[in-house]
N, C-alpha and C. Protein backbone atom coordinates (compact mmCIF):
# COMPACT_ATOMS: atom_id res chain seq x y z
N MET A 1 -6.53 -10.86 1.31
CA MET A 1 -7.40 -9.90 2.03
C MET A 1 -7.00 -9.88 3.32
N THR A 2 -6.92 -8.79 3.88
CA THR A 2 -6.54 -8.90 5.52
C THR A 2 -7.73 -7.90 6.04
N ASN A 3 -7.86 -8.00 7.28
CA ASN A 3 -8.54 -7.11 8.10
C ASN A 3 -7.76 -5.84 8.80
N ALA A 4 -7.88 -4.76 8.23
CA ALA A 4 -7.09 -3.72 8.44
C ALA A 4 -5.49 -3.79 8.24
N THR A 5 -4.87 -2.79 8.29
CA THR A 5 -3.29 -2.48 7.92
C THR A 5 -2.87 -3.29 8.74
N ASP A 6 -2.90 -3.17 10.16
CA ASP A 6 -2.22 -4.07 11.18
C ASP A 6 -1.93 -5.59 10.81
N GLU A 7 -2.95 -6.03 10.40
CA GLU A 7 -2.81 -7.41 10.08
C GLU A 7 -2.00 -7.59 8.67
N ALA A 8 -2.12 -6.73 7.96
CA ALA A 8 -1.53 -6.67 6.53
C ALA A 8 0.15 -6.55 6.89
N ILE A 9 0.53 -5.98 7.56
CA ILE A 9 1.85 -5.70 8.17
C ILE A 9 2.05 -6.94 8.59
N ARG A 10 1.52 -7.55 9.59
CA ARG A 10 1.95 -8.78 10.31
C ARG A 10 2.03 -9.72 9.16
N THR A 11 1.21 -9.89 8.34
CA THR A 11 1.14 -10.98 7.37
C THR A 11 2.56 -11.11 6.52
N VAL A 12 2.63 -9.78 6.13
CA VAL A 12 4.02 -9.58 5.30
C VAL A 12 5.27 -9.91 5.96
N PHE A 13 5.34 -9.42 7.14
CA PHE A 13 6.61 -9.83 8.19
C PHE A 13 6.45 -11.47 8.17
N GLU A 14 5.42 -11.75 8.50
CA GLU A 14 5.55 -13.49 8.75
C GLU A 14 5.91 -14.22 7.74
N THR A 15 5.49 -13.43 6.56
CA THR A 15 5.57 -14.45 5.49
C THR A 15 7.37 -14.26 4.79
N PHE A 16 7.67 -12.85 5.15
CA PHE A 16 8.79 -12.66 4.38
C PHE A 16 10.12 -12.69 5.22
N VAL A 17 10.02 -12.37 6.71
CA VAL A 17 11.04 -12.04 7.52
C VAL A 17 11.24 -13.05 8.49
N ASP A 18 12.65 -13.48 8.56
CA ASP A 18 13.42 -14.36 9.50
C ASP A 18 13.96 -13.85 10.49
N LYS A 19 14.07 -14.42 11.50
CA LYS A 19 15.35 -13.99 12.58
C LYS A 19 16.56 -13.61 12.21
N ASN A 20 16.87 -12.35 12.51
CA ASN A 20 18.31 -11.70 12.02
C ASN A 20 18.04 -11.14 10.80
N ASP A 21 17.05 -11.05 10.19
CA ASP A 21 16.96 -10.38 8.75
C ASP A 21 17.02 -8.89 8.78
N GLU A 22 17.82 -8.42 8.03
CA GLU A 22 18.08 -6.78 8.30
C GLU A 22 16.88 -5.90 7.78
N ILE A 23 15.99 -5.32 8.47
CA ILE A 23 14.73 -4.33 8.21
C ILE A 23 15.38 -2.71 8.40
N ILE A 24 15.32 -1.95 7.27
CA ILE A 24 15.27 -0.75 7.19
C ILE A 24 14.28 0.10 7.40
N ILE A 25 14.16 0.83 8.51
CA ILE A 25 12.71 1.38 8.91
C ILE A 25 12.99 2.91 9.29
N PRO A 26 12.33 3.88 8.43
CA PRO A 26 12.63 5.26 8.62
C PRO A 26 11.78 5.58 9.85
N CYS A 27 12.38 6.53 10.76
CA CYS A 27 11.87 6.99 11.95
C CYS A 27 11.63 8.38 12.04
N PRO A 28 10.61 8.89 12.77
CA PRO A 28 9.33 8.13 13.07
C PRO A 28 8.47 7.68 12.33
N THR A 29 7.65 6.59 12.18
CA THR A 29 6.73 6.17 11.53
C THR A 29 5.68 5.32 12.19
N PHE A 30 4.75 4.65 11.43
CA PHE A 30 3.73 3.79 12.05
C PHE A 30 4.46 2.70 13.00
N ALA A 31 4.22 2.67 14.11
CA ALA A 31 4.90 1.94 15.21
C ALA A 31 4.72 0.25 14.71
N MET A 32 3.48 -0.20 14.14
CA MET A 32 3.48 -1.39 13.97
C MET A 32 4.87 -2.05 12.81
N PHE A 33 5.28 -1.41 12.29
CA PHE A 33 6.71 -1.66 11.51
C PHE A 33 7.51 -2.50 12.56
N LYS A 34 8.01 -1.58 13.45
CA LYS A 34 8.89 -1.89 14.42
C LYS A 34 8.54 -3.10 15.11
N LEU A 35 7.35 -2.74 15.41
CA LEU A 35 6.93 -3.94 16.72
C LEU A 35 6.83 -5.32 15.73
N ASN A 36 6.40 -5.41 14.57
CA ASN A 36 6.43 -6.76 13.89
C ASN A 36 7.96 -7.21 13.32
N ALA A 37 8.73 -6.21 13.14
CA ALA A 37 10.24 -6.62 13.13
C ALA A 37 10.78 -7.11 14.34
N GLU A 38 10.38 -6.41 15.48
CA GLU A 38 10.80 -7.23 16.89
C GLU A 38 10.51 -8.44 17.22
N LEU A 39 9.11 -8.52 16.78
CA LEU A 39 8.42 -10.00 17.05
C LEU A 39 9.02 -10.98 16.18
N MET A 40 9.80 -10.72 15.16
CA MET A 40 10.24 -11.75 14.36
C MET A 40 11.92 -11.79 14.59
N ASP A 41 12.21 -10.95 15.43
CA ASP A 41 13.70 -10.93 15.91
C ASP A 41 14.61 -10.46 14.80
N ALA A 42 13.88 -9.46 14.16
CA ALA A 42 14.82 -8.87 12.89
C ALA A 42 15.85 -8.05 13.50
N ASN A 43 16.70 -7.75 12.67
CA ASN A 43 17.87 -6.66 12.76
C ASN A 43 17.27 -5.18 12.25
N ILE A 44 16.85 -4.45 13.12
CA ILE A 44 16.36 -3.27 12.75
C ILE A 44 17.18 -2.04 12.53
N ILE A 45 17.36 -1.46 11.49
CA ILE A 45 18.13 -0.45 11.14
C ILE A 45 17.25 0.72 11.23
N GLU A 46 17.16 1.62 12.10
CA GLU A 46 16.47 2.78 12.14
C GLU A 46 17.24 4.19 11.25
N VAL A 47 16.44 4.45 10.44
CA VAL A 47 16.97 5.79 10.00
C VAL A 47 16.26 7.06 10.21
N MET A 48 16.74 7.92 10.81
CA MET A 48 15.66 9.26 11.17
C MET A 48 15.67 9.99 9.88
N TYR A 49 14.31 10.62 10.07
CA TYR A 49 13.93 11.68 8.89
C TYR A 49 15.05 12.78 9.30
N ASN A 50 14.98 13.55 8.15
CA ASN A 50 15.94 14.82 8.27
C ASN A 50 15.13 15.86 9.18
N GLU A 51 16.05 16.53 9.70
CA GLU A 51 15.52 17.80 10.68
C GLU A 51 14.31 18.33 10.38
N ASP A 52 14.16 18.61 8.84
CA ASP A 52 13.04 19.37 8.55
C ASP A 52 11.77 18.26 8.05
N LEU A 53 11.80 17.01 8.44
CA LEU A 53 10.99 16.07 8.28
C LEU A 53 10.95 15.65 6.84
N SER A 54 11.81 15.94 6.13
CA SER A 54 11.90 15.61 4.69
C SER A 54 12.44 14.04 4.64
N PHE A 55 12.12 13.09 3.75
CA PHE A 55 12.40 11.81 3.41
C PHE A 55 14.06 11.60 3.84
N PRO A 56 14.64 10.72 4.19
CA PRO A 56 15.93 10.64 4.19
C PRO A 56 16.63 9.60 3.27
N THR A 57 16.22 9.90 2.04
CA THR A 57 16.51 9.00 0.89
C THR A 57 17.90 8.92 0.89
N LYS A 58 18.77 9.78 1.05
CA LYS A 58 20.45 9.57 0.83
C LYS A 58 20.84 8.47 1.98
N GLN A 59 20.20 8.86 3.32
CA GLN A 59 20.66 7.91 4.29
C GLN A 59 20.53 6.32 4.26
N ILE A 60 19.11 6.04 3.45
CA ILE A 60 18.55 4.89 3.61
C ILE A 60 19.50 4.18 2.25
N LEU A 61 19.73 4.94 1.34
CA LEU A 61 20.25 4.41 0.20
C LEU A 61 21.73 3.95 0.73
N GLU A 62 22.27 4.82 1.58
CA GLU A 62 23.76 4.37 2.41
C GLU A 62 23.63 3.01 3.02
N LYS A 63 22.52 2.84 3.50
CA LYS A 63 22.17 1.71 4.62
C LYS A 63 21.95 0.61 4.07
N MET A 64 21.56 0.69 2.78
CA MET A 64 21.15 -0.78 1.91
C MET A 64 22.50 -1.32 1.51
N ASN A 65 22.31 -2.73 1.99
CA ASN A 65 23.69 -3.85 1.38
C ASN A 65 22.93 -5.00 1.25
N LYS A 66 23.81 -5.73 0.70
CA LYS A 66 23.46 -7.24 0.48
C LYS A 66 22.75 -7.97 1.69
N ASN A 67 23.00 -7.37 3.05
CA ASN A 67 22.16 -8.04 4.06
C ASN A 67 20.69 -7.41 4.37
N THR A 68 20.40 -6.41 3.46
CA THR A 68 19.05 -5.91 3.62
C THR A 68 18.08 -6.86 3.10
N LYS A 69 16.99 -7.29 3.67
CA LYS A 69 15.82 -7.92 3.68
C LYS A 69 14.63 -7.25 2.94
N MET A 70 14.57 -6.23 3.81
CA MET A 70 13.27 -5.19 3.43
C MET A 70 13.69 -3.63 3.80
N VAL A 71 13.03 -3.01 3.13
CA VAL A 71 13.10 -1.55 3.43
C VAL A 71 11.41 -1.15 3.44
N ILE A 72 11.25 -0.44 4.57
CA ILE A 72 9.82 0.05 4.67
C ILE A 72 9.72 1.55 4.30
N LEU A 73 8.64 1.81 3.44
CA LEU A 73 8.57 3.18 3.04
C LEU A 73 6.83 3.56 3.33
N VAL A 74 6.70 4.43 3.95
CA VAL A 74 5.31 4.94 4.34
C VAL A 74 4.98 6.49 3.70
N ASN A 75 4.03 6.28 2.97
CA ASN A 75 3.81 7.34 2.02
C ASN A 75 2.09 7.67 1.81
N PRO A 76 1.95 8.73 2.18
CA PRO A 76 2.59 9.75 3.20
C PRO A 76 2.78 9.04 4.55
N ASN A 77 4.04 9.82 5.02
CA ASN A 77 4.34 9.10 6.60
C ASN A 77 3.29 9.28 7.55
N ASN A 78 3.27 8.61 8.46
CA ASN A 78 2.39 8.45 9.54
C ASN A 78 3.53 8.55 10.91
N PRO A 79 3.77 9.46 11.60
CA PRO A 79 2.81 10.85 11.88
C PRO A 79 3.65 12.14 11.24
N THR A 80 4.47 12.03 10.48
CA THR A 80 5.06 13.12 9.85
C THR A 80 4.24 13.90 8.80
N ALA A 81 3.44 13.00 8.23
CA ALA A 81 2.72 13.29 6.77
C ALA A 81 3.82 13.73 5.82
N THR A 82 4.91 13.46 5.75
CA THR A 82 6.11 13.46 4.78
C THR A 82 5.82 12.61 3.66
N SER A 83 5.89 13.02 2.50
CA SER A 83 5.41 12.40 1.20
C SER A 83 6.89 12.06 0.76
N ILE A 84 6.98 10.86 0.00
CA ILE A 84 8.11 10.38 -0.78
C ILE A 84 7.99 10.62 -2.27
N THR A 85 8.77 11.26 -2.94
CA THR A 85 8.92 11.68 -4.13
C THR A 85 8.82 10.10 -5.15
N ASP A 86 8.18 10.39 -6.23
CA ASP A 86 8.45 9.12 -7.18
C ASP A 86 9.99 8.58 -7.70
N GLY A 87 10.61 9.72 -7.76
CA GLY A 87 11.94 9.73 -8.03
C GLY A 87 12.68 8.93 -6.70
N ASP A 88 12.61 9.30 -5.61
CA ASP A 88 13.22 8.78 -4.47
C ASP A 88 12.64 7.19 -4.18
N ILE A 89 11.52 6.87 -4.49
CA ILE A 89 11.05 5.58 -4.69
C ILE A 89 12.05 4.73 -5.48
N ILE A 90 11.83 5.21 -6.80
CA ILE A 90 12.58 4.43 -7.73
C ILE A 90 14.16 4.31 -7.56
N LYS A 91 14.59 5.32 -7.03
CA LYS A 91 16.05 5.23 -6.51
C LYS A 91 16.20 3.78 -5.55
N ILE A 92 15.45 3.94 -4.56
CA ILE A 92 15.38 2.76 -3.59
C ILE A 92 14.79 1.52 -4.15
N LEU A 93 13.95 1.52 -5.16
CA LEU A 93 13.71 0.07 -5.74
C LEU A 93 14.87 -0.22 -6.74
N ASP A 94 15.49 0.66 -7.58
CA ASP A 94 16.60 0.32 -8.29
C ASP A 94 17.69 -0.49 -7.41
N LYS A 95 18.09 0.18 -6.10
CA LYS A 95 19.23 -0.54 -5.31
C LYS A 95 18.72 -1.54 -5.03
N ALA A 96 17.40 -1.75 -4.10
CA ALA A 96 16.91 -3.00 -3.77
C ALA A 96 16.99 -4.36 -4.79
N ILE A 97 16.80 -4.20 -6.09
CA ILE A 97 16.72 -5.23 -6.92
C ILE A 97 18.25 -5.63 -7.08
N LYS A 98 19.45 -4.80 -6.85
CA LYS A 98 20.93 -5.32 -6.62
C LYS A 98 20.91 -6.21 -5.60
N PHE A 99 20.21 -6.20 -4.58
CA PHE A 99 20.36 -6.91 -3.48
C PHE A 99 19.29 -7.86 -3.19
N ASN A 100 18.13 -7.88 -4.04
CA ASN A 100 17.19 -8.80 -3.77
C ASN A 100 16.63 -8.55 -2.50
N SER A 101 16.21 -7.45 -2.23
CA SER A 101 15.42 -6.84 -1.04
C SER A 101 14.32 -6.42 -1.57
N ILE A 102 13.38 -6.59 -0.52
CA ILE A 102 11.85 -6.31 -0.48
C ILE A 102 11.59 -4.83 -0.10
N VAL A 103 10.96 -4.18 -1.08
CA VAL A 103 10.66 -2.76 -0.59
C VAL A 103 8.81 -2.85 -0.19
N PHE A 104 8.67 -2.46 1.14
CA PHE A 104 7.25 -2.47 1.56
C PHE A 104 6.96 -1.30 1.79
N ILE A 105 6.00 -0.64 0.64
CA ILE A 105 5.34 0.63 0.49
C ILE A 105 3.98 0.76 1.20
N ASP A 106 3.77 1.17 2.17
CA ASP A 106 2.43 1.59 2.57
C ASP A 106 1.95 2.66 2.32
N GLU A 107 0.91 2.73 1.56
CA GLU A 107 0.11 4.05 1.18
C GLU A 107 -1.28 4.11 1.80
N ALA A 108 -1.37 3.51 2.83
CA ALA A 108 -2.75 3.46 3.64
C ALA A 108 -3.26 5.04 3.85
């Protein structure tokens, strides 16, 4: 149990992320993800939302590789209010399994 989302995010990063771990973060999104990745000295891979603010599933899947430690998904996203379809989440989870990557889904 944590006191609000900020503490939960920090706890997950402190538990699972080490220096130079690769973290994929769709942008723009809730600022605490990038802040905590920076505090852990992680290698941040920012993937911009599509021009129409739809979720960049294809781009995220292309960026995922054996070095990907964590992928951040915020659903619905803050600040765009963009939702991620169940099918897109499953595609990302399927690829994450191949690389033993963590998928952090924030649905606050």
